[in-house]
Amino acid sequence: MPNKSIRYTLLSLRDLVASIGPFALLTVALLVLTYWWLDPTPPRRVVLATGPEQSAYDEFGKRYADALARYGIEVELLRSEGSSDNLQLLRQGRADVGFVQGGTADIGYDDEDAITSLGSLFVEPLWLFYREDAARRRLGSETVGQLTELEGWHINVGTPGSGVPRLFNTLLDVNRVSPADLHLSQLEQTPATVAFLNGELDALVFASAPESLMVQMLLQTPGVRLMDFAQSEAYSRRFGYLTPVVLPQGVVDLAANNPERDMRLVASTTSLLANTRTHPAILQLFAQTAIGLHGGGSWFSRAREYPSLEHSEVPLSPEAVRAIRSGPPFLQRYLPFWVANLIERMWLAMGLIIALVLPLSRIVPPIYTFRIRSRVFRWYAQLRDIEQRFEALPAGRGTEVQTLLDQLDALEAKVEKIVVPLSHTDELYALRNHVHMVRKKLMRRS
């Protein structure tokens, strides 16, 4: 008896699954179509445009690569000459994300549709290092106070792709100093530094975060001085992308009191820009990573001051705005990134699919009932046919009556093999009773 009960239960489940099948297929088809349309799964590889080797951009790029590797995403670091070069790589689609410094790249209205910002990351001062012996030889003093005092100097301003030549020329212009009055070179950072230390150059100009190995080294090199921009506040009032910053006394080396006094500098804000075609989940991850990498204090900012949504020259990405203002999404705090991202980007579509399929699912019970009852009712057609043929026979046709009895026996044998759930056995036994009633009518004639 238990075996039969299990059998009946399995049969009912089979019919239920068969009844739900069309709606399940419809739901799966809609989910597949939605998945294809929304593309919720981000790519496993992304290209980040950084900067020259040993630059701050290069160092930060390595940190981003390590951070995103924890999510199974490979970050390919694409070294470049700097901000202007990175902007071109983003425009051309050769990079998905890149570091771009404000004011050093020519960002236009056309970029608003093609490029989006993930927020400002840190400030990059304009470092002007010069040799003490060059200052004594040309000025009779060991210090340089203004850019107007650099006429005739041999100065390296970096490669065109770094954007620094454009920025430095802007500062020279407002000081009414013609670039023709200086001997400007555009060497890469490493060979320029070697030439500077060998005395072949009088000064070096580059924009970089203090994390740059070159900055750290030059700040502690004997005979090398950093120019104090006494007019830093005025520069910031003239150019909105520049910010006055102060290198505090002793911040480089407290024991050696390096620098000996506060040094005023002008700085631009570096942002993390992305191609608008980059997957939203990738933008979200980069913005979240930026909080961890740039949220601490530094020489020029306090804790949690960066990343910031200010100083953006292109529209901000909605993913970056949510990440910086609210932190990781709720689901990512409890679920793996890939699962949380899939649910987050599919939940609205899934809700719409459920709203569509749920009303249709109301016809599942009638379909299920029809499937079960059809096992019983379909035999009534044959039973009725036998009964009608019997009633049409004239008296004395015993042989034909026996034929009908044989057909009724065959029908009854088939009915005996019908299995229905226990909730529908009343209909099965009604069919058997009706077969028996027809048999009695035939037996009476026989």
Protein backbone atom coordinates (compact mmCIF):
# COMPACT_ATOMS: atom_id res chain seq x y z
CA MET A 1 0.00 0.00 0.00
CA PRO A 2 2.76 2.56 0.78
CA ASN A 3 4.31 1.83 -2.61
CA LYS A 4 1.04 2.60 -4.36
CA SER A 5 0.65 5.84 -2.42
CA ILE A 6 4.12 6.90 -3.49
CA ARG A 7 3.24 5.97 -7.06
CA TYR A 8 0.11 8.05 -6.99
CA THR A 9 2.01 10.98 -5.53
CA LEU A 10 4.69 10.75 -8.20
CA LEU A 11 2.12 10.67 -10.93
CA SER A 12 0.45 13.80 -9.59
CA LEU A 13 3.78 15.59 -9.36
CA ARG A 14 4.57 14.54 -12.92
CA ASP A 15 1.31 16.03 -14.16
CA LEU A 16 1.89 19.17 -12.14
CA VAL A 17 5.32 19.61 -13.69
CA ALA A 18 3.88 19.00 -17.13
CA SER A 19 1.20 21.63 -16.46
CA ILE A 20 3.76 24.18 -15.29
CA GLY A 21 6.20 23.35 -18.12
CA PRO A 22 5.01 25.91 -20.72
CA PHE A 23 5.13 28.73 -18.19
CA ALA A 24 8.53 27.62 -16.95
CA LEU A 25 9.83 27.63 -20.52
CA LEU A 26 8.35 31.09 -21.07
CA THR A 27 9.99 32.37 -17.88
CA VAL A 28 13.37 30.91 -18.82
CA ALA A 29 13.13 32.38 -22.32
CA LEU A 30 12.34 35.82 -20.90
CA LEU A 31 15.22 35.56 -18.42
CA VAL A 32 17.66 34.57 -21.15
CA LEU A 33 16.46 37.43 -23.34
CA THR A 34 16.76 39.87 -20.44
CA TYR A 35 20.24 38.58 -19.54
CA TRP A 36 21.36 39.08 -23.13
CA TRP A 37 19.89 42.57 -23.26
CA LEU A 38 21.13 43.83 -19.87
CA ASP A 39 24.50 42.04 -20.02
CA PRO A 40 24.82 42.00 -16.19
CA THR A 41 28.09 40.06 -16.04
CA PRO A 42 31.17 42.29 -16.37
CA PRO A 43 34.18 41.29 -18.47
CA ARG A 44 37.05 39.46 -16.80
CA ARG A 45 39.66 41.83 -18.25
CA VAL A 46 39.92 45.60 -18.23
CA VAL A 47 42.60 48.00 -19.50
CA LEU A 48 43.82 50.79 -17.19
CA ALA A 49 45.93 53.59 -18.73
CA THR A 50 48.53 54.67 -16.15
CA GLY A 51 51.67 56.70 -16.88
CA PRO A 52 55.44 56.46 -17.21
CA GLU A 53 57.32 53.76 -15.35
CA GLN A 54 57.97 54.60 -11.66
CA SER A 55 55.42 57.43 -11.77
CA ALA A 56 52.63 57.80 -9.22
CA TYR A 57 50.12 56.68 -11.86
CA ASP A 58 52.14 53.54 -12.43
CA GLU A 59 52.27 52.78 -8.70
CA PHE A 60 48.54 53.37 -8.24
CA GLY A 61 47.80 51.23 -11.29
CA LYS A 62 49.53 48.28 -9.62
CA ARG A 63 47.43 48.77 -6.50
CA TYR A 64 44.21 48.81 -8.52
CA ALA A 65 45.29 45.63 -10.32
CA ASP A 66 45.93 43.86 -7.00
CA ALA A 67 42.59 45.03 -5.57
CA LEU A 68 40.47 43.94 -8.53
CA ALA A 69 42.29 40.62 -8.80
CA ARG A 70 40.43 39.61 -5.64
CA TYR A 71 37.21 39.76 -7.65
CA GLY A 72 38.65 37.66 -10.46
CA ILE A 73 39.15 40.63 -12.79
CA GLU A 74 42.46 41.05 -14.58
CA VAL A 75 43.59 44.67 -14.90
CA GLU A 76 46.00 45.20 -17.78
CA LEU A 77 48.23 48.20 -17.06
CA LEU A 78 48.81 50.25 -20.18
CA ARG A 79 51.77 52.55 -19.61
CA SER A 80 51.62 55.95 -21.31
CA GLU A 81 53.28 59.35 -21.28
CA GLY A 82 50.67 60.80 -18.91
CA SER A 83 47.33 62.59 -18.75
CA SER A 84 47.01 63.78 -22.35
CA ASP A 85 48.07 60.39 -23.65
CA ASN A 86 45.57 58.65 -21.33
CA LEU A 87 42.75 60.86 -22.59
CA GLN A 88 43.55 59.91 -26.17
CA LEU A 89 43.61 56.23 -25.27
CA LEU A 90 40.14 56.58 -23.72
CA ARG A 91 38.82 58.41 -26.76
CA GLN A 92 40.18 55.74 -29.08
CA GLY A 93 38.73 52.90 -26.99
CA ARG A 94 42.17 51.39 -26.38
CA ALA A 95 41.73 51.87 -22.62
CA ASP A 96 38.67 51.36 -20.45
CA VAL A 97 39.83 53.47 -17.50
CA GLY A 98 42.65 56.00 -17.08
CA PHE A 99 44.19 58.63 -14.81
CA VAL A 100 43.75 62.18 -16.14
CA GLN A 101 44.97 65.33 -14.44
CA GLY A 102 42.81 68.45 -14.53
CA GLY A 103 44.13 71.22 -16.71
CA THR A 104 46.81 69.11 -18.37
CA ALA A 105 44.51 67.60 -21.00
CA ASP A 106 42.28 69.25 -23.56
CA ILE A 107 38.84 67.99 -22.52
CA GLY A 108 36.06 69.29 -24.78
CA TYR A 109 32.30 69.07 -25.12
CA ASP A 110 32.58 66.00 -27.33
CA ASP A 111 34.09 64.09 -24.41
CA GLU A 112 30.93 64.45 -22.30
CA ASP A 113 29.20 61.70 -24.28
CA ALA A 114 32.24 59.43 -24.62
CA ILE A 115 33.94 59.78 -21.23
CA THR A 116 32.65 59.67 -17.67
CA SER A 117 34.33 60.45 -14.36
CA LEU A 118 34.66 58.11 -11.38
CA GLY A 119 35.61 60.98 -9.08
CA SER A 120 38.66 63.02 -8.11
CA LEU A 121 41.34 60.86 -6.49
CA PHE A 122 44.09 63.15 -5.23
CA VAL A 123 45.90 66.39 -5.93
CA GLU A 124 49.06 66.47 -7.98
CA PRO A 125 51.30 69.46 -7.30
CA LEU A 126 53.40 71.01 -10.00
CA TRP A 127 56.91 70.20 -8.82
CA LEU A 128 59.66 72.52 -10.01
CA PHE A 129 63.01 71.17 -8.82
CA TYR A 130 66.11 73.20 -9.54
CA ARG A 131 69.83 72.92 -8.80
CA GLU A 132 71.30 75.21 -6.15
CA ASP A 133 74.46 75.74 -8.18
CA ALA A 134 72.37 76.82 -11.19
CA ALA A 135 70.52 79.37 -9.06
CA ARG A 136 73.79 80.76 -7.65
CA ARG A 137 75.33 80.95 -11.09
CA ARG A 138 72.37 82.66 -12.76
CA LEU A 139 70.75 84.62 -9.92
CA GLY A 140 73.44 84.93 -7.28
CA SER A 141 71.08 83.26 -4.80
CA GLU A 142 70.25 79.69 -3.86
CA THR A 143 66.48 80.23 -4.11
CA VAL A 144 64.07 80.95 -6.96
CA GLY A 145 61.01 82.98 -6.04
CA GLN A 146 59.12 83.46 -9.32
CA LEU A 147 58.88 81.97 -12.79
CA THR A 148 60.12 85.25 -14.27
CA GLU A 149 63.56 84.46 -12.81
CA LEU A 150 63.95 81.35 -14.99
CA GLU A 151 64.73 83.15 -18.26
CA GLY A 152 67.64 81.47 -20.03
CA TRP A 153 67.44 78.27 -17.91
CA HIS A 154 67.61 74.76 -19.33
CA ILE A 155 64.36 73.21 -18.11
CA ASN A 156 62.74 69.88 -18.89
CA VAL A 157 58.93 70.07 -18.90
CA GLY A 158 58.11 66.44 -19.69
CA THR A 159 56.73 64.71 -22.73
CA PRO A 160 53.75 66.18 -24.63
CA GLY A 161 51.62 63.21 -23.63
CA SER A 162 52.02 64.07 -19.95
CA GLY A 163 50.13 67.34 -20.33
CA VAL A 164 52.70 69.17 -18.19
CA PRO A 165 54.10 71.23 -21.11
CA ARG A 166 50.63 72.64 -21.73
CA LEU A 167 50.13 73.50 -18.05
CA PHE A 168 53.60 75.00 -17.63
CA ASN A 169 53.21 77.10 -20.78
CA THR A 170 49.96 78.44 -19.34
CA LEU A 171 51.78 79.53 -16.17
CA LEU A 172 54.57 81.10 -18.20
CA ASP A 173 52.00 82.99 -20.27
CA VAL A 174 50.31 84.60 -17.24
CA ASN A 175 53.78 85.61 -16.00
CA ARG A 176 54.48 87.16 -19.42
CA VAL A 177 57.43 84.86 -20.00
CA SER A 178 57.85 83.58 -23.54
CA PRO A 179 58.84 79.91 -23.92
CA ALA A 180 61.40 81.17 -26.44
CA ASP A 181 63.25 82.87 -23.55
CA LEU A 182 63.91 79.46 -21.98
CA HIS A 183 65.67 76.35 -23.22
CA LEU A 184 62.84 73.86 -22.86
CA SER A 185 63.23 70.12 -23.45
CA GLN A 186 60.62 67.36 -23.42
CA LEU A 187 62.53 64.30 -22.26
CA GLU A 188 60.90 61.41 -20.47
CA GLN A 189 61.03 61.54 -16.69
CA THR A 190 63.83 59.04 -16.06
CA PRO A 191 66.40 60.30 -18.62
CA ALA A 192 65.52 63.88 -17.70
CA THR A 193 66.22 63.17 -14.03
CA VAL A 194 69.57 61.60 -14.91
CA ALA A 195 70.50 64.65 -17.00
CA PHE A 196 69.36 66.94 -14.18
CA LEU A 197 71.47 65.18 -11.58
CA ASN A 198 74.45 65.26 -13.97
CA GLY A 199 74.14 69.02 -14.28
CA GLU A 200 72.99 69.01 -17.92
CA LEU A 201 69.64 70.57 -16.93
CA ASP A 202 69.02 73.43 -14.54
CA ALA A 203 65.47 72.48 -13.55
CA LEU A 204 62.83 69.79 -13.83
CA VAL A 205 59.08 70.34 -14.03
CA PHE A 206 56.55 67.57 -13.65
CA ALA A 207 53.19 67.00 -12.02
CA SER A 208 52.85 63.99 -9.80
CA ALA A 209 51.48 62.77 -6.51
CA PRO A 210 54.01 62.64 -3.64
CA GLU A 211 53.88 58.84 -3.85
CA SER A 212 56.07 59.06 -6.97
CA LEU A 213 59.49 57.54 -6.43
CA MET A 214 61.09 60.40 -8.38
CA VAL A 215 59.50 63.00 -6.10
CA GLN A 216 60.59 61.12 -2.98
CA MET A 217 64.14 60.86 -4.27
CA LEU A 218 64.52 64.48 -5.44
CA LEU A 219 63.08 65.87 -2.20
CA GLN A 220 65.96 64.22 -0.34
CA THR A 221 68.78 64.83 -2.84
CA PRO A 222 71.46 67.27 -1.62
CA GLY A 223 71.90 70.32 -3.84
CA VAL A 224 68.34 70.09 -5.21
CA ARG A 225 65.70 72.61 -4.17
CA LEU A 226 61.96 72.80 -4.63
CA MET A 227 60.52 76.11 -5.83
CA ASP A 228 58.11 77.78 -3.43
CA PHE A 229 55.08 79.13 -5.36
CA ALA A 230 54.40 82.17 -3.19
CA GLN A 231 51.57 83.17 -5.57
CA SER A 232 49.79 79.79 -5.36
CA GLU A 233 46.56 81.39 -4.14
CA ALA A 234 46.58 83.79 -7.09
CA TYR A 235 47.13 80.96 -9.56
CA SER A 236 44.11 79.10 -8.13
CA ARG A 237 41.95 82.21 -8.53
CA ARG A 238 42.99 82.55 -12.16
CA PHE A 239 42.54 78.88 -13.07
CA GLY A 240 39.65 76.89 -11.63
CA TYR A 241 41.42 73.54 -12.07
CA LEU A 242 44.34 74.60 -9.85
CA THR A 243 44.35 74.36 -6.06
CA PRO A 244 46.80 75.91 -3.61
CA VAL A 245 48.43 73.29 -1.39
CA VAL A 246 51.13 73.35 1.25
CA LEU A 247 53.94 70.86 1.74
CA PRO A 248 54.24 71.01 5.56
CA GLN A 249 57.56 71.65 7.22
CA GLY A 250 59.30 68.37 8.09
CA VAL A 251 56.76 66.12 6.33
CA VAL A 252 59.42 64.48 4.14
CA ASP A 253 61.83 63.80 7.03
CA LEU A 254 60.92 64.94 10.53
CA ALA A 255 64.34 64.15 11.97
CA ALA A 256 66.16 66.15 9.30
CA ASN A 257 63.40 68.81 9.23
CA ASN A 258 62.93 68.38 5.47
CA PRO A 259 61.61 70.71 4.16
CA GLU A 260 62.89 73.44 6.46
CA ARG A 261 59.67 75.47 6.10
CA ASP A 262 56.21 75.18 4.63
CA MET A 263 56.39 75.09 0.84
CA ARG A 264 53.50 76.57 -1.15
CA LEU A 265 52.63 74.74 -4.35
CA VAL A 266 49.92 74.79 -7.00
CA ALA A 267 48.20 71.51 -7.73
CA SER A 268 45.60 70.13 -10.07
CA THR A 269 43.19 67.34 -9.20
CA THR A 270 43.64 63.96 -10.81
CA SER A 271 40.47 62.08 -11.71
CA LEU A 272 39.80 58.52 -12.73
CA LEU A 273 38.06 58.72 -16.09
CA ALA A 274 36.41 55.88 -17.99
CA ASN A 275 35.03 55.21 -21.42
CA THR A 276 31.22 55.31 -21.29
CA ARG A 277 31.14 51.88 -22.97
CA THR A 278 32.89 50.32 -19.97
CA HIS A 279 30.64 47.88 -18.09
CA PRO A 280 28.81 49.56 -15.16
CA ALA A 281 29.93 46.84 -12.73
CA ILE A 282 33.56 47.58 -13.61
CA LEU A 283 32.99 51.29 -12.94
CA GLN A 284 31.41 50.42 -9.63
CA LEU A 285 34.37 48.25 -8.61
CA PHE A 286 36.91 50.93 -9.54
CA ALA A 287 34.98 53.55 -7.56
CA GLN A 288 34.79 51.25 -4.53
CA THR A 289 38.50 50.48 -4.81
CA ALA A 290 39.30 54.20 -5.01
CA ILE A 291 37.70 54.69 -1.60
CA GLY A 292 40.11 52.21 -0.05
CA LEU A 293 43.20 53.43 -1.91
CA HIS A 294 42.71 57.19 -1.67
CA GLY A 295 40.49 57.58 1.40
CA GLY A 296 43.40 57.80 3.85
CA GLY A 297 45.29 60.95 4.69
CA SER A 298 48.29 62.12 2.65
CA TRP A 299 50.68 65.05 2.51
CA PHE A 300 48.04 67.24 0.88
CA SER A 301 44.69 65.86 2.09
CA ARG A 302 43.00 64.64 5.23
CA ALA A 303 41.41 61.24 5.76
CA ARG A 304 38.20 60.62 3.77
CA GLU A 305 38.64 63.85 1.82
CA TYR A 306 39.15 61.80 -1.35
CA PRO A 307 37.81 60.37 -3.57
CA SER A 308 35.62 63.38 -4.21
CA LEU A 309 32.78 64.23 -6.57
CA GLU A 310 34.07 67.77 -7.03
CA HIS A 311 36.40 69.25 -9.67
CA SER A 312 35.01 67.02 -12.43
CA GLU A 313 35.49 68.25 -16.01
CA VAL A 314 33.18 65.54 -17.47
CA PRO A 315 29.86 64.10 -16.21
CA LEU A 316 30.08 61.82 -13.20
CA SER A 317 29.22 58.15 -13.51
CA PRO A 318 26.06 57.21 -11.53
CA GLU A 319 27.89 54.09 -10.28
CA ALA A 320 30.69 56.25 -8.90
CA VAL A 321 28.25 58.64 -7.24
CA ARG A 322 26.49 55.76 -5.47
CA ALA A 323 29.75 54.11 -4.43
CA ILE A 324 31.34 57.28 -3.03
CA ARG A 325 28.21 58.48 -1.25
CA SER A 326 26.82 55.18 0.00
CA GLY A 327 29.67 52.66 -0.11
CA PRO A 328 29.21 49.08 -1.38
CA PRO A 329 25.64 48.06 -2.32
CA PHE A 330 23.67 46.18 0.34
CA LEU A 331 23.94 42.78 -1.35
CA GLN A 332 27.71 43.04 -1.85
CA ARG A 333 28.15 43.29 1.91
CA TYR A 334 26.82 39.76 2.36
CA LEU A 335 27.19 37.98 -0.99
CA PRO A 336 30.10 37.40 -3.39
CA PHE A 337 30.52 40.19 -5.92
CA TRP A 338 29.42 38.18 -8.95
CA VAL A 339 26.21 36.96 -7.27
CA ALA A 340 25.35 40.35 -5.80
CA ASN A 341 26.02 42.11 -9.10
CA LEU A 342 23.81 39.67 -11.02
CA ILE A 343 20.91 40.13 -8.62
CA GLU A 344 21.35 43.89 -8.46
CA ARG A 345 21.25 44.31 -12.24
CA MET A 346 18.54 41.73 -12.89
CA TRP A 347 16.11 42.30 -10.02
CA LEU A 348 13.96 44.86 -11.86
CA ALA A 349 13.70 42.68 -14.95
CA MET A 350 12.97 39.64 -12.78
CA GLY A 351 10.19 41.58 -11.06
CA LEU A 352 8.63 42.49 -14.40
CA ILE A 353 8.85 38.88 -15.58
CA ILE A 354 7.17 37.65 -12.39
CA ALA A 355 4.45 40.29 -12.78
CA LEU A 356 3.84 38.97 -16.30
CA VAL A 357 3.98 35.25 -15.58
CA LEU A 358 2.14 35.26 -12.24
CA PRO A 359 -1.33 36.05 -13.69
CA LEU A 360 -0.80 33.43 -16.38
CA SER A 361 0.09 30.85 -13.74
CA ARG A 362 -3.50 30.96 -12.45
CA ILE A 363 -4.53 28.63 -15.25
CA VAL A 364 -2.07 25.97 -14.04
CA PRO A 365 -4.55 24.33 -11.58
CA PRO A 366 -7.30 23.98 -14.24
CA ILE A 367 -4.76 22.50 -16.67
CA TYR A 368 -3.53 20.09 -14.01
CA THR A 369 -7.12 19.02 -13.18
CA PHE A 370 -7.94 18.58 -16.87
CA ARG A 371 -4.90 16.34 -17.38
CA ILE A 372 -5.93 14.07 -14.51
CA ARG A 373 -9.65 13.90 -15.41
CA SER A 374 -8.90 13.34 -19.10
CA ARG A 375 -7.45 9.92 -18.18
CA VAL A 376 -10.91 8.92 -17.02
CA PHE A 377 -13.27 10.86 -19.27
CA ARG A 378 -11.71 9.89 -22.57
CA TRP A 379 -13.01 6.30 -22.08
CA TYR A 380 -16.60 7.48 -21.86
CA ALA A 381 -16.62 8.05 -25.61
CA GLN A 382 -15.95 4.34 -26.28
CA LEU A 383 -18.38 3.30 -23.55
CA ARG A 384 -21.12 5.45 -25.00
CA ASP A 385 -20.41 4.14 -28.51
CA ILE A 386 -20.82 0.53 -27.31
CA GLU A 387 -24.08 1.41 -25.57
CA GLN A 388 -25.54 3.23 -28.61
CA ARG A 389 -24.59 0.39 -30.97
CA PHE A 390 -26.27 -2.05 -28.58
CA GLU A 391 -29.48 -0.04 -28.47
CA ALA A 392 -29.56 0.09 -32.28
CA LEU A 393 -29.36 -3.70 -32.65
CA PRO A 394 -32.61 -5.48 -33.56
CA ALA A 395 -33.71 -8.37 -31.38
CA GLY A 396 -32.12 -11.76 -31.98
CA ARG A 397 -28.63 -10.57 -32.87
CA GLY A 398 -26.85 -12.56 -30.16
CA THR A 399 -23.61 -12.81 -32.09
CA GLU A 400 -23.27 -9.04 -32.43
CA VAL A 401 -24.14 -8.60 -28.73
CA GLN A 402 -21.29 -10.94 -27.84
CA THR A 403 -18.97 -8.85 -29.99
CA LEU A 404 -20.00 -5.79 -28.02
CA LEU A 405 -19.39 -7.69 -24.78
CA ASP A 406 -15.91 -8.57 -25.95
CA GLN A 407 -15.21 -4.90 -26.73
CA LEU A 408 -16.56 -3.95 -23.31
CA ASP A 409 -14.23 -6.50 -21.68
CA ALA A 410 -11.28 -4.94 -23.50
CA LEU A 411 -12.41 -1.50 -22.41
CA GLU A 412 -12.78 -2.64 -18.82
CA ALA A 413 -9.28 -4.15 -18.87
CA LYS A 414 -7.85 -0.81 -19.93
CA VAL A 415 -9.84 1.05 -17.29
CA GLU A 416 -8.45 -1.27 -14.62
CA LYS A 417 -4.93 0.00 -15.45
CA ILE A 418 -5.78 3.68 -15.03
CA VAL A 419 -3.92 5.33 -12.15
CA VAL A 420 -5.00 8.70 -10.80
CA PRO A 421 -4.15 10.62 -7.63
CA LEU A 422 -6.21 9.73 -4.60
CA SER A 423 -8.10 13.03 -4.83
CA HIS A 424 -9.61 11.90 -8.19
CA THR A 425 -10.40 8.25 -7.43
CA ASP A 426 -14.15 9.01 -7.16
CA GLU A 427 -14.23 9.76 -10.89
CA LEU A 428 -12.30 6.57 -11.66
CA TYR A 429 -14.69 4.40 -9.65
CA ALA A 430 -17.65 6.16 -11.27
CA LEU A 431 -16.28 5.10 -14.67
CA ARG A 432 -15.92 1.51 -13.50
CA ASN A 433 -19.48 1.56 -12.17
CA HIS A 434 -20.78 2.85 -15.50
CA VAL A 435 -18.91 0.10 -17.34
CA HIS A 436 -20.60 -2.39 -15.05
CA MET A 437 -24.04 -0.85 -15.73
CA VAL A 438 -23.56 -1.16 -19.50
CA ARG A 439 -22.40 -4.74 -19.06
CA LYS A 440 -25.63 -5.58 -17.21
CA LYS A 441 -27.69 -4.18 -20.08
CA LEU A 442 -25.78 -6.27 -22.60
CA MET A 443 -26.02 -9.38 -20.44
CA ARG A 444 -29.76 -9.07 -20.22
CA ARG A 445 -30.07 -9.10 -24.04
CA SER A 446 -27.55 -11.92 -24.32
